[in-house]
Amino acid sequence: MRVELRTASRGYLLILEQDLFGDFVLFRQWYGLQNRRGGIKRQIFRDEESARREFVRVQKLRARRGYCPLGQ
């Protein structure tokens, strides 16, 4: 799963993937559109359900803070 969200000045990317060991990895990347600020965070989950719950929770939190999905 992959979702890219943006405001007028910031961007946020969420990626949920399964690694070679069977764990689920949630990557969060944030960045500025007019500057070079940003970062990345990686969370590892043992089961898919908890990883999907966190993915949806972060996506809703970003929406509350004014981010809109790209391409939708």
PDB file of N, CA and C in Angstrom:
ATOM      1  N   MET A   1       0.843  -1.168   0.000  1.00  0.00           N
ATOM      2  CA  MET A   1       0.000   0.000   0.000  1.00  0.00           C
ATOM      3  C   MET A   1       0.892   1.236   0.000  1.00  0.00           C
ATOM      4  N   ARG A   2       0.428   2.251  -0.702  1.00  0.00           N
ATOM      5  CA  ARG A   2       1.189   3.500  -0.778  1.00  0.00           C
ATOM      6  C   ARG A   2       0.211   4.659  -0.898  1.00  0.00           C
ATOM      7  N   VAL A   3       0.417   5.697  -0.099  1.00  0.00           N
ATOM      8  CA  VAL A   3      -0.400   6.907  -0.151  1.00  0.00           C
ATOM      9  C   VAL A   3       0.528   8.107  -0.002  1.00  0.00           C
ATOM     10  N   GLU A   4       0.355   9.081  -0.886  1.00  0.00           N
ATOM     11  CA  GLU A   4       1.098  10.335  -0.769  1.00  0.00           C
ATOM     12  C   GLU A   4       0.101  11.445  -0.463  1.00  0.00           C
ATOM     13  N   LEU A   5       0.414  12.224   0.565  1.00  0.00           N
ATOM     14  CA  LEU A   5      -0.455  13.302   1.036  1.00  0.00           C
ATOM     15  C   LEU A   5       0.317  14.609   0.983  1.00  0.00           C
ATOM     16  N   ARG A   6      -0.407  15.707   0.723  1.00  0.00           N
ATOM     17  CA  ARG A   6       0.262  17.020   0.660  1.00  0.00           C
ATOM     18  C   ARG A   6      -0.620  18.128   1.201  1.00  0.00           C
ATOM     19  N   THR A   7       0.074  19.158   1.695  1.00  0.00           N
ATOM     20  CA  THR A   7      -0.546  20.450   1.968  1.00  0.00           C
ATOM     21  C   THR A   7       0.100  21.424   0.994  1.00  0.00           C
ATOM     22  N   ALA A   8      -0.113  22.708   1.202  1.00  0.00           N
ATOM     23  CA  ALA A   8       0.483  23.704   0.317  1.00  0.00           C
ATOM     24  C   ALA A   8       2.006  23.758   0.458  1.00  0.00           C
ATOM     25  N   SER A   9       2.527  23.375   1.624  1.00  0.00           N
ATOM     26  CA  SER A   9       3.965  23.516   1.844  1.00  0.00           C
ATOM     27  C   SER A   9       4.682  22.234   2.282  1.00  0.00           C
ATOM     28  N   ARG A  10       3.916  21.168   2.567  1.00  0.00           N
ATOM     29  CA  ARG A  10       4.531  19.942   3.081  1.00  0.00           C
ATOM     30  C   ARG A  10       3.994  18.710   2.368  1.00  0.00           C
ATOM     31  N   GLY A  11       4.765  17.646   2.438  1.00  0.00           N
ATOM     32  CA  GLY A  11       4.349  16.371   1.864  1.00  0.00           C
ATOM     33  C   GLY A  11       4.591  15.245   2.855  1.00  0.00           C
ATOM     34  N   TYR A  12       3.831  14.155   2.691  1.00  0.00           N
ATOM     35  CA  TYR A  12       3.923  13.009   3.587  1.00  0.00           C
ATOM     36  C   TYR A  12       3.668  11.758   2.763  1.00  0.00           C
ATOM     37  N   LEU A  13       4.511  10.761   2.912  1.00  0.00           N
ATOM     38  CA  LEU A  13       4.394   9.526   2.149  1.00  0.00           C
ATOM     39  C   LEU A  13       4.299   8.359   3.114  1.00  0.00           C
ATOM     40  N   LEU A  14       3.282   7.501   2.923  1.00  0.00           N
ATOM     41  CA  LEU A  14       3.106   6.294   3.721  1.00  0.00           C
ATOM     42  C   LEU A  14       3.240   5.088   2.805  1.00  0.00           C
ATOM     43  N   ILE A  15       4.080   4.144   3.184  1.00  0.00           N
ATOM     44  CA  ILE A  15       4.266   2.925   2.405  1.00  0.00           C
ATOM     45  C   ILE A  15       4.215   1.743   3.365  1.00  0.00           C
ATOM     46  N   LEU A  16       3.381   0.756   3.054  1.00  0.00           N
ATOM     47  CA  LEU A  16       3.287  -0.464   3.845  1.00  0.00           C
ATOM     48  C   LEU A  16       3.705  -1.626   2.962  1.00  0.00           C
ATOM     49  N   GLU A  17       4.754  -2.344   3.391  1.00  0.00           N
ATOM     50  CA  GLU A  17       5.299  -3.458   2.621  1.00  0.00           C
ATOM     51  C   GLU A  17       5.575  -4.638   3.533  1.00  0.00           C
ATOM     52  N   GLN A  18       5.631  -5.822   2.932  1.00  0.00           N
ATOM     53  CA  GLN A  18       6.052  -7.013   3.668  1.00  0.00           C
ATOM     54  C   GLN A  18       7.505  -7.306   3.311  1.00  0.00           C
ATOM     55  N   ASP A  19       8.324  -7.542   4.332  1.00  0.00           N
ATOM     56  CA  ASP A  19       9.737  -7.803   4.059  1.00  0.00           C
ATOM     57  C   ASP A  19       9.981  -9.298   3.842  1.00  0.00           C
ATOM     58  N   LEU A  20      11.221  -9.665   3.616  1.00  0.00           N
ATOM     59  CA  LEU A  20      11.572 -11.050   3.320  1.00  0.00           C
ATOM     60  C   LEU A  20      11.384 -11.995   4.503  1.00  0.00           C
ATOM     61  N   PHE A  21      11.313 -11.458   5.710  1.00  0.00           N
ATOM     62  CA  PHE A  21      11.128 -12.273   6.905  1.00  0.00           C
ATOM     63  C   PHE A  21       9.661 -12.453   7.271  1.00  0.00           C
ATOM     64  N   GLY A  22       8.755 -11.859   6.489  1.00  0.00           N
ATOM     65  CA  GLY A  22       7.327 -11.992   6.744  1.00  0.00           C
ATOM     66  C   GLY A  22       6.752 -10.903   7.625  1.00  0.00           C
ATOM     67  N   ASP A  23       7.591  -9.993   8.104  1.00  0.00           N
ATOM     68  CA  ASP A  23       7.101  -8.873   8.908  1.00  0.00           C
ATOM     69  C   ASP A  23       6.566  -7.785   7.988  1.00  0.00           C
ATOM     70  N   PHE A  24       5.736  -6.927   8.545  1.00  0.00           N
ATOM     71  CA  PHE A  24       5.182  -5.806   7.784  1.00  0.00           C
ATOM     72  C   PHE A  24       5.873  -4.531   8.244  1.00  0.00           C
ATOM     73  N   VAL A  25       6.335  -3.749   7.284  1.00  0.00           N
ATOM     74  CA  VAL A  25       7.105  -2.539   7.573  1.00  0.00           C
ATOM     75  C   VAL A  25       6.317  -1.327   7.074  1.00  0.00           C
ATOM     76  N   LEU A  26       6.097  -0.375   7.974  1.00  0.00           N
ATOM     77  CA  LEU A  26       5.423   0.870   7.637  1.00  0.00           C
ATOM     78  C   LEU A  26       6.475   1.970   7.577  1.00  0.00           C
ATOM     79  N   PHE A  27       6.662   2.525   6.389  1.00  0.00           N
ATOM     80  CA  PHE A  27       7.589   3.630   6.180  1.00  0.00           C
ATOM     81  C   PHE A  27       6.790   4.923   6.165  1.00  0.00           C
ATOM     82  N   ARG A  28       7.251   5.909   6.929  1.00  0.00           N
ATOM     83  CA  ARG A  28       6.664   7.250   6.915  1.00  0.00           C
ATOM     84  C   ARG A  28       7.767   8.205   6.499  1.00  0.00           C
ATOM     85  N   GLN A  29       7.495   8.999   5.482  1.00  0.00           N
ATOM     86  CA  GLN A  29       8.472  10.002   5.042  1.00  0.00           C
ATOM     87  C   GLN A  29       7.771  11.339   4.958  1.00  0.00           C
ATOM     88  N   TRP A  30       8.357  12.347   5.553  1.00  0.00           N
ATOM     89  CA  TRP A  30       7.791  13.695   5.494  1.00  0.00           C
ATOM     90  C   TRP A  30       8.843  14.626   4.910  1.00  0.00           C
ATOM     91  N   TYR A  31       8.348  15.665   4.227  1.00  0.00           N
ATOM     92  CA  TYR A  31       9.277  16.575   3.547  1.00  0.00           C
ATOM     93  C   TYR A  31       8.605  17.915   3.322  1.00  0.00           C
ATOM     94  N   GLY A  32       9.433  18.933   3.158  1.00  0.00           N
ATOM     95  CA  GLY A  32       8.958  20.265   2.817  1.00  0.00           C
ATOM     96  C   GLY A  32       9.005  20.452   1.316  1.00  0.00           C
ATOM     97  N   LEU A  33       8.047  21.180   0.766  1.00  0.00           N
ATOM     98  CA  LEU A  33       8.019  21.420  -0.668  1.00  0.00           C
ATOM     99  C   LEU A  33       8.914  22.585  -1.079  1.00  0.00           C
ATOM    100  N   GLN A  34       9.148  23.533  -0.163  1.00  0.00           N
ATOM    101  CA  GLN A  34       9.994  24.677  -0.486  1.00  0.00           C
ATOM    102  C   GLN A  34      11.351  24.627   0.216  1.00  0.00           C
ATOM    103  N   ASN A  35      11.617  23.575   0.964  1.00  0.00           N
ATOM    104  CA  ASN A  35      12.898  23.466   1.661  1.00  0.00           C
ATOM    105  C   ASN A  35      13.352  22.008   1.674  1.00  0.00           C
ATOM    106  N   ARG A  36      14.476  21.765   2.306  1.00  0.00           N
ATOM    107  CA  ARG A  36      15.043  20.419   2.319  1.00  0.00           C
ATOM    108  C   ARG A  36      14.798  19.696   3.645  1.00  0.00           C
ATOM    109  N   ARG A  37      13.911  20.214   4.448  1.00  0.00           N
ATOM    110  CA  ARG A  37      13.619  19.572   5.718  1.00  0.00           C
ATOM    111  C   ARG A  37      12.794  18.326   5.492  1.00  0.00           C
ATOM    112  N   GLY A  38      12.970  17.372   6.365  1.00  0.00           N
ATOM    113  CA  GLY A  38      12.191  16.148   6.263  1.00  0.00           C
ATOM    114  C   GLY A  38      12.835  15.035   7.065  1.00  0.00           C
ATOM    115  N   GLY A  39      12.236  13.879   6.976  1.00  0.00           N
ATOM    116  CA  GLY A  39      12.755  12.734   7.704  1.00  0.00           C
ATOM    117  C   GLY A  39      12.025  11.474   7.297  1.00  0.00           C
ATOM    118  N   ILE A  40      12.436  10.374   7.899  1.00  0.00           N
ATOM    119  CA  ILE A  40      11.811   9.088   7.614  1.00  0.00           C
ATOM    120  C   ILE A  40      11.757   8.285   8.903  1.00  0.00           C
ATOM    121  N   LYS A  41      10.709   7.514   9.043  1.00  0.00           N
ATOM    122  CA  LYS A  41      10.537   6.644  10.200  1.00  0.00           C
ATOM    123  C   LYS A  41      10.099   5.286   9.687  1.00  0.00           C
ATOM    124  N   ARG A  42      10.603   4.232  10.307  1.00  0.00           N
ATOM    125  CA  ARG A  42      10.248   2.881   9.921  1.00  0.00           C
ATOM    126  C   ARG A  42       9.733   2.140  11.146  1.00  0.00           C
ATOM    127  N   GLN A  43       8.545   1.525  11.013  1.00  0.00           N
ATOM    128  CA  GLN A  43       7.964   0.726  12.081  1.00  0.00           C
ATOM    129  C   GLN A  43       7.783  -0.697  11.567  1.00  0.00           C
ATOM    130  N   ILE A  44       8.105  -1.666  12.404  1.00  0.00           N
ATOM    131  CA  ILE A  44       7.980  -3.069  12.026  1.00  0.00           C
ATOM    132  C   ILE A  44       6.856  -3.698  12.839  1.00  0.00           C
ATOM    133  N   PHE A  45       5.979  -4.437  12.149  1.00  0.00           N
ATOM    134  CA  PHE A  45       4.846  -5.121  12.772  1.00  0.00           C
ATOM    135  C   PHE A  45       4.920  -6.603  12.447  1.00  0.00           C
ATOM    136  N   ARG A  46       4.542  -7.438  13.388  1.00  0.00           N
ATOM    137  CA  ARG A  46       4.541  -8.887  13.172  1.00  0.00           C
ATOM    138  C   ARG A  46       3.333  -9.351  12.364  1.00  0.00           C
ATOM    139  N   ASP A  47       2.190  -8.684  12.545  1.00  0.00           N
ATOM    140  CA  ASP A  47       0.979  -9.123  11.828  1.00  0.00           C
ATOM    141  C   ASP A  47       0.434  -7.990  10.958  1.00  0.00           C
ATOM    142  N   GLU A  48      -0.256  -8.381   9.910  1.00  0.00           N
ATOM    143  CA  GLU A  48      -0.764  -7.432   8.925  1.00  0.00           C
ATOM    144  C   GLU A  48      -1.868  -6.542   9.492  1.00  0.00           C
ATOM    145  N   GLU A  49      -2.708  -7.098  10.348  1.00  0.00           N
ATOM    146  CA  GLU A  49      -3.831  -6.331  10.892  1.00  0.00           C
ATOM    147  C   GLU A  49      -3.372  -5.105  11.673  1.00  0.00           C
ATOM    148  N   SER A  50      -2.407  -5.269  12.550  1.00  0.00           N
ATOM    149  CA  SER A  50      -1.929  -4.119  13.329  1.00  0.00           C
ATOM    150  C   SER A  50      -1.198  -3.116  12.436  1.00  0.00           C
ATOM    151  N   ALA A  51      -0.510  -3.589  11.407  1.00  0.00           N
ATOM    152  CA  ALA A  51       0.160  -2.683  10.471  1.00  0.00           C
ATOM    153  C   ALA A  51      -0.863  -1.859   9.695  1.00  0.00           C
ATOM    154  N   ARG A  52      -1.931  -2.504   9.236  1.00  0.00           N
ATOM    155  CA  ARG A  52      -2.984  -1.777   8.502  1.00  0.00           C
ATOM    156  C   ARG A  52      -3.698  -0.776   9.402  1.00  0.00           C
ATOM    157  N   ARG A  53      -3.945  -1.164  10.662  1.00  0.00           N
ATOM    158  CA  ARG A  53      -4.584  -0.235  11.603  1.00  0.00           C
ATOM    159  C   ARG A  53      -3.738   1.017  11.791  1.00  0.00           C
ATOM    160  N   GLU A  54      -2.422   0.850  11.929  1.00  0.00           N
ATOM    161  CA  GLU A  54      -1.528   2.001  12.099  1.00  0.00           C
ATOM    162  C   GLU A  54      -1.481   2.844  10.827  1.00  0.00           C
ATOM    163  N   PHE A  55      -1.478   2.204   9.677  1.00  0.00           N
ATOM    164  CA  PHE A  55      -1.488   2.908   8.390  1.00  0.00           C
ATOM    165  C   PHE A  55      -2.718   3.815   8.299  1.00  0.00           C
ATOM    166  N   VAL A  56      -3.887   3.272   8.612  1.00  0.00           N
ATOM    167  CA  VAL A  56      -5.137   4.039   8.548  1.00  0.00           C
ATOM    168  C   VAL A  56      -5.150   5.133   9.612  1.00  0.00           C
ATOM    169  N   ARG A  57      -4.644   4.848  10.805  1.00  0.00           N
ATOM    170  CA  ARG A  57      -4.612   5.841  11.877  1.00  0.00           C
ATOM    171  C   ARG A  57      -3.756   7.045  11.475  1.00  0.00           C
ATOM    172  N   VAL A  58      -2.582   6.790  10.919  1.00  0.00           N
ATOM    173  CA  VAL A  58      -1.694   7.881  10.505  1.00  0.00           C
ATOM    174  C   VAL A  58      -2.322   8.661   9.350  1.00  0.00           C
ATOM    175  N   GLN A  59      -2.946   7.942   8.430  1.00  0.00           N
ATOM    176  CA  GLN A  59      -3.598   8.605   7.290  1.00  0.00           C
ATOM    177  C   GLN A  59      -4.717   9.539   7.769  1.00  0.00           C
ATOM    178  N   LYS A  60      -5.517   9.101   8.729  1.00  0.00           N
ATOM    179  CA  LYS A  60      -6.583   9.946   9.278  1.00  0.00           C
ATOM    180  C   LYS A  60      -6.014  11.137  10.037  1.00  0.00           C
ATOM    181  N   LEU A  61      -4.929  10.915  10.774  1.00  0.00           N
ATOM    182  CA  LEU A  61      -4.295  12.001  11.506  1.00  0.00           C
ATOM    183  C   LEU A  61      -3.779  13.071  10.551  1.00  0.00           C
ATOM    184  N   ARG A  62      -3.149  12.674   9.477  1.00  0.00           N
ATOM    185  CA  ARG A  62      -2.663  13.630   8.471  1.00  0.00           C
ATOM    186  C   ARG A  62      -3.833  14.394   7.849  1.00  0.00           C
ATOM    187  N   ALA A  63      -4.945  13.719   7.576  1.00  0.00           N
ATOM    188  CA  ALA A  63      -6.122  14.390   6.999  1.00  0.00           C
ATOM    189  C   ALA A  63      -6.655  15.460   7.957  1.00  0.00           C
ATOM    190  N   ARG A  64      -6.654  15.161   9.250  1.00  0.00           N
ATOM    191  CA  ARG A  64      -7.113  16.147  10.243  1.00  0.00           C
ATOM    192  C   ARG A  64      -6.200  17.361  10.282  1.00  0.00           C
ATOM    193  N   ARG A  65      -4.949  17.184   9.918  1.00  0.00           N
ATOM    194  CA  ARG A  65      -3.985  18.293   9.921  1.00  0.00           C
ATOM    195  C   ARG A  65      -3.882  18.999   8.585  1.00  0.00           C
ATOM    196  N   GLY A  66      -4.798  18.710   7.671  1.00  0.00           N
ATOM    197  CA  GLY A  66      -4.879  19.467   6.439  1.00  0.00           C
ATOM    198  C   GLY A  66      -4.238  18.829   5.230  1.00  0.00           C
ATOM    199  N   TYR A  67      -3.719  17.619   5.343  1.00  0.00           N
ATOM    200  CA  TYR A  67      -3.117  16.946   4.193  1.00  0.00           C
ATOM    201  C   TYR A  67      -4.208  16.334   3.327  1.00  0.00           C
ATOM    202  N   CYS A  68      -4.008  16.405   2.012  1.00  0.00           N
ATOM    203  CA  CYS A  68      -4.936  15.820   1.035  1.00  0.00           C
ATOM    204  C   CYS A  68      -4.197  14.791   0.202  1.00  0.00           C
ATOM    205  N   PRO A  69      -4.848  13.678  -0.115  1.00  0.00           N
ATOM    206  CA  PRO A  69      -4.189  12.652  -0.947  1.00  0.00           C
ATOM    207  C   PRO A  69      -3.933  13.146  -2.370  1.00  0.00           C
ATOM    208  N   LEU A  70      -2.811  12.773  -2.935  1.00  0.00           N
ATOM    209  CA  LEU A  70      -2.488  13.108  -4.317  1.00  0.00           C
ATOM    210  C   LEU A  70      -3.130  12.081  -5.244  1.00  0.00           C
ATOM    211  N   GLY A  71      -3.601  12.533  -6.377  1.00  0.00           N
ATOM    212  CA  GLY A  71      -4.142  11.625  -7.392  1.00  0.00           C
ATOM    213  C   GLY A  71      -5.513  11.084  -7.081  1.00  0.00           C
ATOM    214  N   GLN A  72      -6.209  11.658  -6.119  1.00  0.00           N
ATOM    215  CA  GLN A  72      -7.556  11.172  -5.806  1.00  0.00           C
ATOM    216  C   GLN A  72      -8.532  12.315  -5.795  1.00  0.00           C
TER     217      GLN A  72
END
